[in-house]
Amino acid sequence: MAMIRRDGAVKTVKIAELKNRLSHYLRLVQRGESILVCERDWVIARIDRISRETSVPESDTAWLDRLERRGVIRSGSGKLSRQWLARRPKGQADVVAALLRDREEGR
């Protein structure tokens, strides 16, 4: 399944296909195409080419520093207290049951 846009092609691919042919799809991205990654017919991610000027940080610390300078995140001011860590959420949610319901509904 493929969709065409004015500024280039957008292809959709399921996760298993992407895993099996990753190099092929990365070459398409290098040529300027966008890839939409689907899980059970839901788009969950998009792979786009980045500009050559975009640099990859050398470490997580450099990346976090850059995000903090841009105001996206704020560093913590100290350690969390044991009292705060000991508190438990008040909710009684069954995460596994919610996940199974979600899967049955096809999300």
Protein backbone atom coordinates (compact mmCIF):
# COMPACT_ATOMS: atom_id res chain seq x y z
CA MET A 1 0.00 0.00 0.00
CA ALA A 2 1.51 3.39 -0.96
CA MET A 3 0.37 6.98 -0.77
CA ILE A 4 1.83 9.69 -2.99
CA ARG A 5 2.38 13.30 -1.93
CA ARG A 6 3.52 16.30 -3.93
CA ASP A 7 6.83 16.48 -2.10
CA GLY A 8 7.62 12.76 -2.44
CA ALA A 9 6.31 9.28 -1.94
CA VAL A 10 5.15 7.95 1.40
CA LYS A 11 5.19 4.19 1.71
CA THR A 12 3.54 2.16 4.44
CA VAL A 13 5.14 -1.01 5.72
CA LYS A 14 4.34 -3.50 8.46
CA ILE A 15 6.89 -4.10 11.19
CA ALA A 16 7.80 -7.64 10.08
CA GLU A 17 8.43 -6.46 6.51
CA LEU A 18 10.53 -3.54 7.78
CA LYS A 19 12.62 -5.88 9.94
CA ASN A 20 13.14 -8.31 7.04
CA ARG A 21 14.10 -5.62 4.51
CA LEU A 22 15.48 -2.82 6.69
CA SER A 23 18.38 -1.97 4.37
CA HIS A 24 16.01 -1.63 1.40
CA TYR A 25 13.70 0.75 3.26
CA LEU A 26 16.61 2.80 4.61
CA ARG A 27 17.86 3.26 1.04
CA LEU A 28 14.41 4.58 0.08
CA VAL A 29 14.60 7.03 2.99
CA GLN A 30 18.08 8.13 1.87
CA ARG A 31 16.57 8.94 -1.53
CA GLY A 32 14.01 11.19 0.17
CA GLU A 33 11.00 8.90 0.58
CA SER A 34 9.11 8.68 3.88
CA ILE A 35 8.15 5.37 5.44
CA LEU A 36 5.09 4.91 7.67
CA VAL A 37 5.49 1.91 9.98
CA CYS A 38 2.24 0.06 10.77
CA GLU A 39 1.25 -2.40 13.45
CA ARG A 40 -2.10 -4.09 12.84
CA ASP A 41 -3.02 -1.43 10.26
CA TRP A 42 -2.32 1.43 12.69
CA VAL A 43 0.51 3.82 11.85
CA ILE A 44 2.87 3.88 14.84
CA ALA A 45 5.96 5.60 13.45
CA ARG A 46 7.34 7.56 10.54
CA ILE A 47 10.87 7.33 9.17
CA ASP A 48 12.08 10.45 7.33
CA ARG A 49 15.40 11.57 5.97
CA ILE A 50 17.12 14.21 8.06
CA SER A 51 19.20 17.04 6.68
CA ARG A 52 22.94 16.61 6.39
CA GLU A 53 23.40 19.50 8.82
CA THR A 54 21.69 17.56 11.60
CA SER A 55 24.32 16.15 13.89
CA VAL A 56 23.98 13.16 16.16
CA PRO A 57 25.08 13.85 19.75
CA GLU A 58 28.09 11.92 20.88
CA SER A 59 26.43 10.82 24.11
CA ASP A 60 23.15 10.85 25.99
CA THR A 61 24.58 13.59 28.18
CA ALA A 62 25.21 15.84 25.15
CA TRP A 63 21.71 15.15 23.87
CA LEU A 64 20.14 15.94 27.26
CA ASP A 65 22.24 19.13 27.55
CA ARG A 66 20.99 20.27 24.14
CA LEU A 67 17.37 19.59 25.10
CA GLU A 68 17.83 21.52 28.33
CA ARG A 69 19.35 24.52 26.51
CA ARG A 70 16.32 24.54 24.17
CA GLY A 71 13.96 24.49 27.16
CA VAL A 72 12.46 21.11 26.27
CA ILE A 73 13.49 19.51 29.57
CA ARG A 74 14.68 20.69 32.96
CA SER A 75 17.29 18.89 35.03
CA GLY A 76 16.34 17.65 38.44
CA SER A 77 17.54 19.57 41.47
CA GLY A 78 18.51 16.60 43.62
CA LYS A 79 17.65 13.08 44.64
CA LEU A 80 14.12 11.86 45.31
CA SER A 81 13.32 11.30 48.97
CA ARG A 82 12.80 7.76 50.23
CA GLN A 83 9.36 8.81 51.41
CA TRP A 84 8.37 9.90 47.89
CA LEU A 85 9.76 6.70 46.39
CA ALA A 86 7.89 4.56 48.96
CA ARG A 87 4.47 6.01 48.05
CA ARG A 88 2.39 3.78 45.84
CA PRO A 89 -0.12 4.92 43.28
CA LYS A 90 -3.69 4.86 44.58
CA GLY A 91 -5.12 3.34 41.40
CA GLN A 92 -6.15 -0.28 41.20
CA ALA A 93 -5.61 -0.72 37.46
CA ASP A 94 -4.86 -4.14 36.04
CA VAL A 95 -2.37 -3.27 33.31
CA VAL A 96 -2.24 -6.78 31.85
CA ALA A 97 -6.02 -6.98 31.57
CA ALA A 98 -6.13 -3.54 29.91
CA LEU A 99 -3.46 -4.63 27.42
CA LEU A 100 -5.33 -7.82 26.56
CA ARG A 101 -8.60 -5.86 26.07
CA ASP A 102 -6.72 -3.43 23.82
CA ARG A 103 -5.39 -6.28 21.69
CA GLU A 104 -8.81 -7.91 21.40
CA GLU A 105 -10.25 -4.60 20.19
CA GLY A 106 -7.54 -4.49 17.50
CA ARG A 107 -5.77 -1.32 18.61
